[in-house]
C-alpha atoms as a PDB file:
ATOM      1  CA  MET A   1      -6.902 -14.179  15.478  1.00  0.00           C
ATOM      2  CA  GLU A   2      -5.762 -13.364  11.936  1.00  0.00           C
ATOM      3  CA  ARG A   3      -2.189 -12.066  11.916  1.00  0.00           C
ATOM      4  CA  TYR A   4      -0.150 -10.589   9.070  1.00  0.00           C
ATOM      5  CA  ASP A   5       3.294  -9.115   8.645  1.00  0.00           C
ATOM      6  CA  VAL A   6       1.879  -6.035   6.891  1.00  0.00           C
ATOM      7  CA  ILE A   7      -1.672  -4.756   6.518  1.00  0.00           C
ATOM      8  CA  ILE A   8      -2.210  -2.300   3.671  1.00  0.00           C
ATOM      9  CA  ILE A   9      -5.342  -0.173   3.801  1.00  0.00           C
ATOM     10  CA  GLY A  10      -6.315   0.727   0.244  1.00  0.00           C
ATOM     11  CA  GLY A  11      -6.193  -1.220  -3.003  1.00  0.00           C
ATOM     12  CA  GLY A  12      -5.277   1.426  -5.570  1.00  0.00           C
ATOM     13  CA  PRO A  13      -1.897   1.896  -7.304  1.00  0.00           C
ATOM     14  CA  ALA A  14      -0.037   2.710  -4.067  1.00  0.00           C
ATOM     15  CA  GLY A  15      -1.519  -0.087  -1.991  1.00  0.00           C
ATOM     16  CA  LEU A  16      -1.139  -2.725  -4.676  1.00  0.00           C
ATOM     17  CA  GLY A  17       2.339  -1.480  -5.613  1.00  0.00           C
ATOM     18  CA  CYS A  18       3.333  -1.917  -1.980  1.00  0.00           C
ATOM     19  CA  ALA A  19       1.755  -5.367  -1.703  1.00  0.00           C
ATOM     20  CA  LEU A  20       3.289  -6.594  -4.957  1.00  0.00           C
ATOM     21  CA  THR A  21       6.785  -5.528  -3.919  1.00  0.00           C
ATOM     22  CA  LEU A  22       6.460  -7.083  -0.472  1.00  0.00           C
ATOM     23  CA  ALA A  23       5.127 -10.319  -1.920  1.00  0.00           C
ATOM     24  CA  SER A  24       7.894 -10.581  -4.506  1.00  0.00           C
ATOM     25  CA  ALA A  25      10.602 -11.155  -1.877  1.00  0.00           C
ATOM     26  CA  LYS A  26       9.301 -14.713  -1.623  1.00  0.00           C
ATOM     27  CA  GLY A  27      11.738 -17.042  -3.345  1.00  0.00           C
ATOM     28  CA  HIS A  28      14.540 -14.483  -3.259  1.00  0.00           C
ATOM     29  CA  PHE A  29      15.430 -14.055   0.406  1.00  0.00           C
ATOM     30  CA  GLU A  30      15.136 -16.301   3.431  1.00  0.00           C
ATOM     31  CA  TRP A  31      13.589 -13.479   5.457  1.00  0.00           C
ATOM     32  CA  GLY A  32      10.922 -13.126   2.746  1.00  0.00           C
ATOM     33  CA  GLU A  33       9.604 -16.650   3.228  1.00  0.00           C
ATOM     34  CA  ASN A  34       6.507 -17.459   5.275  1.00  0.00           C
ATOM     35  CA  ARG A  35       5.340 -13.852   5.258  1.00  0.00           C
ATOM     36  CA  LYS A  36       1.662 -12.910   5.040  1.00  0.00           C
ATOM     37  CA  TYR A  37       0.243  -9.665   3.720  1.00  0.00           C
ATOM     38  CA  LEU A  38      -3.297  -8.293   3.714  1.00  0.00           C
ATOM     39  CA  VAL A  39      -4.841  -5.585   1.529  1.00  0.00           C
ATOM     40  CA  ILE A  40      -8.157  -4.190   2.733  1.00  0.00           C
ATOM     41  CA  ASP A  41      -9.860  -2.361  -0.122  1.00  0.00           C
ATOM     42  CA  ASN A  42     -13.102  -0.383  -0.091  1.00  0.00           C
ATOM     43  CA  ASN A  43     -13.143  -0.169  -3.912  1.00  0.00           C
ATOM     44  CA  SER A  44     -13.068   3.630  -4.058  1.00  0.00           C
ATOM     45  CA  SER A  45      -9.788   4.254  -5.911  1.00  0.00           C
ATOM     46  CA  ASP A  46      -9.965   7.097  -8.441  1.00  0.00           C
ATOM     47  CA  LEU A  47      -8.199   4.747 -10.849  1.00  0.00           C
ATOM     48  CA  LEU A  48     -11.488   2.877 -11.260  1.00  0.00           C
ATOM     49  CA  LYS A  49     -12.788   5.909 -13.197  1.00  0.00           C
ATOM     50  CA  ALA A  50      -9.618   6.610 -15.189  1.00  0.00           C
ATOM     51  CA  LYS A  51      -8.343   6.035 -18.700  1.00  0.00           C
ATOM     52  CA  LEU A  52      -4.564   5.776 -18.911  1.00  0.00           C
ATOM     53  CA  ASN A  53      -2.624   7.264 -21.818  1.00  0.00           C
ATOM     54  CA  ASN A  54       0.591   8.512 -20.199  1.00  0.00           C
ATOM     55  CA  VAL A  55       1.743   5.783 -17.817  1.00  0.00           C
ATOM     56  CA  PRO A  56       5.133   4.183 -18.508  1.00  0.00           C
ATOM     57  CA  GLY A  57       4.762   0.485 -19.293  1.00  0.00           C
ATOM     58  CA  ILE A  58       0.962   0.541 -19.647  1.00  0.00           C
ATOM     59  CA  LYS A  59      -0.689   0.437 -23.074  1.00  0.00           C
ATOM     60  CA  PRO A  60      -2.283   3.802 -23.976  1.00  0.00           C
ATOM     61  CA  GLY A  61      -6.042   3.746 -23.675  1.00  0.00           C
ATOM     62  CA  SER A  62      -6.064   1.181 -20.867  1.00  0.00           C
ATOM     63  CA  LEU A  63      -8.981   1.502 -18.483  1.00  0.00           C
ATOM     64  CA  GLY A  64      -8.052   1.989 -14.858  1.00  0.00           C
ATOM     65  CA  LYS A  65     -10.529  -0.613 -13.610  1.00  0.00           C
ATOM     66  CA  GLU A  66      -8.858  -3.217 -15.830  1.00  0.00           C
ATOM     67  CA  VAL A  67      -5.380  -2.200 -14.680  1.00  0.00           C
ATOM     68  CA  ILE A  68      -6.431  -2.540 -11.030  1.00  0.00           C
ATOM     69  CA  GLN A  69      -7.832  -6.015 -11.682  1.00  0.00           C
ATOM     70  CA  GLU A  70      -4.604  -7.047 -13.411  1.00  0.00           C
ATOM     71  CA  LEU A  71      -2.572  -5.658 -10.513  1.00  0.00           C
ATOM     72  CA  LYS A  72      -4.653  -7.613  -8.025  1.00  0.00           C
ATOM     73  CA  GLU A  73      -4.183 -10.838  -9.978  1.00  0.00           C
ATOM     74  CA  HIS A  74      -0.451 -10.172 -10.357  1.00  0.00           C
ATOM     75  CA  THR A  75      -0.087  -9.516  -6.638  1.00  0.00           C
ATOM     76  CA  LYS A  76      -1.971 -12.667  -5.641  1.00  0.00           C
ATOM     77  CA  MET A  77       0.255 -14.724  -7.961  1.00  0.00           C
ATOM     78  CA  TYR A  78       2.859 -15.031  -5.187  1.00  0.00           C
ATOM     79  CA  GLY A  79       0.401 -16.775  -2.891  1.00  0.00           C
ATOM     80  CA  ASN A  80       1.224 -14.692   0.187  1.00  0.00           C
ATOM     81  CA  VAL A  81      -1.171 -11.757  -0.275  1.00  0.00           C
ATOM     82  CA  GLU A  82      -4.842 -11.751   0.667  1.00  0.00           C
ATOM     83  CA  ILE A  83      -7.068  -9.015  -0.773  1.00  0.00           C
ATOM     84  CA  ILE A  84     -10.437  -8.453   0.859  1.00  0.00           C
ATOM     85  CA  ASP A  85     -13.250  -5.920   0.583  1.00  0.00           C
ATOM     86  CA  GLY A  86     -13.804  -3.806   3.663  1.00  0.00           C
ATOM     87  CA  ARG A  87     -13.762  -0.360   5.211  1.00  0.00           C
ATOM     88  CA  VAL A  88     -11.313   0.243   8.043  1.00  0.00           C
ATOM     89  CA  ILE A  89     -12.579   2.473  10.842  1.00  0.00           C
ATOM     90  CA  LYS A  90      -9.842   2.170  13.454  1.00  0.00           C
ATOM     91  CA  VAL A  91      -6.169   1.255  13.848  1.00  0.00           C
ATOM     92  CA  GLU A  92      -4.711   0.878  17.313  1.00  0.00           C
ATOM     93  CA  GLY A  93      -1.598  -0.500  18.942  1.00  0.00           C
ATOM     94  CA  GLU A  94       2.048  -0.131  18.039  1.00  0.00           C
ATOM     95  CA  TYR A  95       4.827  -1.592  15.908  1.00  0.00           C
ATOM     96  CA  LYS A  96       4.651  -5.395  15.862  1.00  0.00           C
ATOM     97  CA  ASN A  97       1.275  -5.260  17.587  1.00  0.00           C
ATOM     98  CA  PHE A  98      -1.190  -3.263  15.464  1.00  0.00           C
ATOM     99  CA  LYS A  99      -4.884  -4.045  15.430  1.00  0.00           C
ATOM    100  CA  VAL A 100      -6.938  -3.025  12.394  1.00  0.00           C
ATOM    101  CA  ILE A 101     -10.714  -2.913  12.832  1.00  0.00           C
ATOM    102  CA  THR A 102     -13.279  -2.787  10.016  1.00  0.00           C
ATOM    103  CA  GLU A 103     -16.783  -1.346  10.133  1.00  0.00           C
ATOM    104  CA  ASP A 104     -18.291  -4.834  10.244  1.00  0.00           C
ATOM    105  CA  GLY A 105     -16.350  -5.597  13.434  1.00  0.00           C
ATOM    106  CA  LYS A 106     -13.581  -7.762  12.005  1.00  0.00           C
ATOM    107  CA  GLU A 107     -10.169  -7.467  13.622  1.00  0.00           C
ATOM    108  CA  PHE A 108      -6.800  -8.110  11.995  1.00  0.00           C
ATOM    109  CA  PHE A 109      -3.328  -7.931  13.551  1.00  0.00           C
ATOM    110  CA  SER A 110       0.036  -7.033  12.049  1.00  0.00           C
ATOM    111  CA  ASP A 111       3.599  -5.855  12.618  1.00  0.00           C
ATOM    112  CA  PHE A 112       3.282  -2.989  10.102  1.00  0.00           C
ATOM    113  CA  VAL A 113       0.413  -0.865   8.771  1.00  0.00           C
ATOM    114  CA  VAL A 114       0.394   1.107   5.511  1.00  0.00           C
ATOM    115  CA  PHE A 115      -2.286   3.691   4.724  1.00  0.00           C
ATOM    116  CA  ALA A 116      -2.895   3.984   0.971  1.00  0.00           C
ATOM    117  CA  THR A 117      -6.360   5.492   1.149  1.00  0.00           C
ATOM    118  CA  GLY A 118      -6.219   8.341  -1.363  1.00  0.00           C
ATOM    119  CA  PHE A 119      -6.490  12.058  -0.664  1.00  0.00           C
ATOM    120  CA  HIS A 120     -10.234  12.768  -0.510  1.00  0.00           C
ATOM    121  CA  GLU A 121     -10.611  12.255   3.237  1.00  0.00           C
ATOM    122  CA  PHE A 122      -9.180  10.347   6.162  1.00  0.00           C
ATOM    123  CA  ASN A 123     -11.772   9.073   8.618  1.00  0.00           C
ATOM    124  CA  ILE A 124      -9.828   6.261  10.273  1.00  0.00           C
ATOM    125  CA  GLU A 125      -9.414   6.637  14.017  1.00  0.00           C
ATOM    126  CA  CYS A 126      -5.711   6.268  14.792  1.00  0.00           C
ATOM    127  CA  GLU A 127      -3.597   7.778  17.544  1.00  0.00           C
ATOM    128  CA  GLY A 128      -0.477   9.586  16.357  1.00  0.00           C
ATOM    129  CA  VAL A 129      -1.736  10.299  12.835  1.00  0.00           C
ATOM    130  CA  GLU A 130      -1.802  13.967  11.809  1.00  0.00           C
ATOM    131  CA  VAL A 131      -4.009  14.973   8.866  1.00  0.00           C
ATOM    132  CA  ILE A 132      -2.793  18.023   6.952  1.00  0.00           C
ATOM    133  CA  GLU A 133      -3.569  19.847   3.701  1.00  0.00           C
ATOM    134  CA  ASN A 134      -2.415  18.068   0.552  1.00  0.00           C
ATOM    135  CA  ILE A 135      -0.274  20.691  -1.177  1.00  0.00           C
ATOM    136  CA  LYS A 136       0.388  18.545  -4.278  1.00  0.00           C
ATOM    137  CA  SER A 137      -3.287  18.228  -5.130  1.00  0.00           C
ATOM    138  CA  PRO A 138      -4.492  20.118  -8.229  1.00  0.00           C
ATOM    139  CA  ARG A 139      -7.793  20.623  -6.400  1.00  0.00           C
ATOM    140  CA  PRO A 140      -8.316  22.295  -3.021  1.00  0.00           C
ATOM    141  CA  GLY A 141      -9.669  20.535   0.033  1.00  0.00           C
ATOM    142  CA  LYS A 142      -7.655  17.322  -0.295  1.00  0.00           C
ATOM    143  CA  VAL A 143      -5.709  15.817   2.575  1.00  0.00           C
ATOM    144  CA  GLN A 144      -2.558  13.921   3.355  1.00  0.00           C
ATOM    145  CA  LEU A 145      -0.937  12.465   6.446  1.00  0.00           C
ATOM    146  CA  LYS A 146       2.166  13.966   7.971  1.00  0.00           C
ATOM    147  CA  VAL A 147       5.105  11.694   7.131  1.00  0.00           C
ATOM    148  CA  ASP A 148       8.893  11.865   7.192  1.00  0.00           C
ATOM    149  CA  GLU A 149      11.230  11.455   4.212  1.00  0.00           C
ATOM    150  CA  ASP A 150      10.661   7.677   4.310  1.00  0.00           C
ATOM    151  CA  TYR A 151       6.847   8.035   4.245  1.00  0.00           C
ATOM    152  CA  LYS A 152       6.813   6.967   7.885  1.00  0.00           C
ATOM    153  CA  ILE A 153       4.166   8.255  10.293  1.00  0.00           C
ATOM    154  CA  LYS A 154       5.616   6.527  13.327  1.00  0.00           C
ATOM    155  CA  GLU A 155       7.435   3.289  13.998  1.00  0.00           C
ATOM    156  CA  GLY A 156       5.861   0.520  11.944  1.00  0.00           C
ATOM    157  CA  MET A 157       3.256   2.824  10.348  1.00  0.00           C
ATOM    158  CA  TYR A 158       3.517   4.346   6.866  1.00  0.00           C
ATOM    159  CA  ALA A 159       1.509   6.240   4.259  1.00  0.00           C
ATOM    160  CA  ALA A 160       1.782   5.647   0.517  1.00  0.00           C
ATOM    161  CA  GLY A 161       0.438   7.370  -2.562  1.00  0.00           C
ATOM    162  CA  LEU A 162      -1.743  10.448  -2.506  1.00  0.00           C
ATOM    163  CA  ILE A 163      -2.371  10.236   1.243  1.00  0.00           C
ATOM    164  CA  ALA A 164       1.422  10.524   1.630  1.00  0.00           C
ATOM    165  CA  GLY A 165       1.474  13.695  -0.463  1.00  0.00           C
ATOM    166  CA  VAL A 166       2.731  12.475  -3.838  1.00  0.00           C
ATOM    167  CA  SER A 167       1.393  13.843  -7.113  1.00  0.00           C
ATOM    168  CA  THR A 168      -1.879  12.548  -8.522  1.00  0.00           C
ATOM    169  CA  MET A 169      -0.280  10.369 -11.181  1.00  0.00           C
ATOM    170  CA  PHE A 170      -0.442   6.574 -11.400  1.00  0.00           C
ATOM    171  CA  ALA A 171       3.334   6.142 -11.604  1.00  0.00           C
ATOM    172  CA  ALA A 172       3.963   8.501  -8.679  1.00  0.00           C
ATOM    173  CA  ALA A 173       1.423   6.752  -6.460  1.00  0.00           C
ATOM    174  CA  ALA A 174       2.562   3.241  -7.383  1.00  0.00           C
ATOM    175  CA  GLY A 175       6.206   4.223  -6.934  1.00  0.00           C
ATOM    176  CA  SER A 176       5.451   5.584  -3.487  1.00  0.00           C
ATOM    177  CA  GLY A 177       3.917   2.250  -2.514  1.00  0.00           C
ATOM    178  CA  VAL A 178       6.949   0.404  -3.865  1.00  0.00           C
ATOM    179  CA  GLN A 179       9.290   2.636  -1.859  1.00  0.00           C
ATOM    180  CA  VAL A 180       7.325   2.020   1.334  1.00  0.00           C
ATOM    181  CA  ALA A 181       7.612  -1.714   0.691  1.00  0.00           C
ATOM    182  CA  CYS A 182      11.378  -1.348   0.234  1.00  0.00           C
ATOM    183  CA  ASN A 183      11.577   0.592   3.513  1.00  0.00           C
ATOM    184  CA  ILE A 184       9.693  -2.172   5.325  1.00  0.00           C
ATOM    185  CA  GLN A 185      11.809  -4.874   3.701  1.00  0.00           C
ATOM    186  CA  ALA A 186      14.948  -3.100   4.926  1.00  0.00           C
ATOM    187  CA  ILE A 187      13.622  -3.448   8.473  1.00  0.00           C
ATOM    188  CA  MET A 188      12.678  -7.091   7.928  1.00  0.00           C
ATOM    189  CA  SER A 189      16.098  -7.975   6.531  1.00  0.00           C
ATOM    190  CA  GLY A 190      18.241  -5.666   8.643  1.00  0.00           C
ATOM    191  CA  LYS A 191      19.740  -3.964   5.579  1.00  0.00           C
ATOM    192  CA  ASN A 192      18.707  -2.224   2.367  1.00  0.00           C
ATOM    193  CA  VAL A 193      17.500  -4.741  -0.218  1.00  0.00           C
ATOM    194  CA  VAL A 194      15.817  -4.615  -3.616  1.00  0.00           C
ATOM    195  CA  VAL A 195      14.035  -7.542  -5.255  1.00  0.00           C
ATOM    196  CA  HIS A 196      15.298  -7.968  -8.813  1.00  0.00           C
ATOM    197  CA  ASP A 197      14.515 -10.729 -11.296  1.00  0.00           C
ATOM    198  CA  VAL A 198      16.658 -11.676 -14.290  1.00  0.00           C
ATOM    199  CA  PRO A 199      15.878 -13.899 -17.288  1.00  0.00           C
ATOM    200  CA  GLU A 200      16.912 -17.508 -17.025  1.00  0.00           C
ATOM    201  CA  SER A 201      20.061 -18.186 -19.035  1.00  0.00           C
ATOM    202  CA  LYS A 202      19.646 -20.391 -22.083  1.00  0.00           C
END
């Protein structure tokens, strides 16, 4: 049985932003040690088809597919994140005992689940998830999941990025994933925390 602290479904800006922030607690906090995170990505992020000219901190003209690859490498740098290809078809269970099932029959277990699947459709079977119209989308027919002000669907389960109803901008989606990670880290640590790094003094 493969068990993780958090399973993130989707490897675009929101999913990778969430994974990167979770991973970065390693080496900063005792509660952040010996954690394991999994990203399951079906390689369908809209960022793969994008060219980025207006994203803070990213060189104008960057190709989205290159940015995603860099994000994946950056995230894996901490050594506590696994990124695999797969398509999730079902999530069942509850907080601290979720089971995530892929279309090829693999099963993964976790304390938390984060949906970061984009806004085109949501075909994952999951009790307690409500799919609604995405009102922030510039195009009709897009969806989001019903979440509270903390992007929470129910205890232990979150949505991030476009499927959580944020605007269709890289920075907005990535920031949503980061905020979800911070919300989860607050539960892990028992208080609000933020992972900050500072230059080493000379």
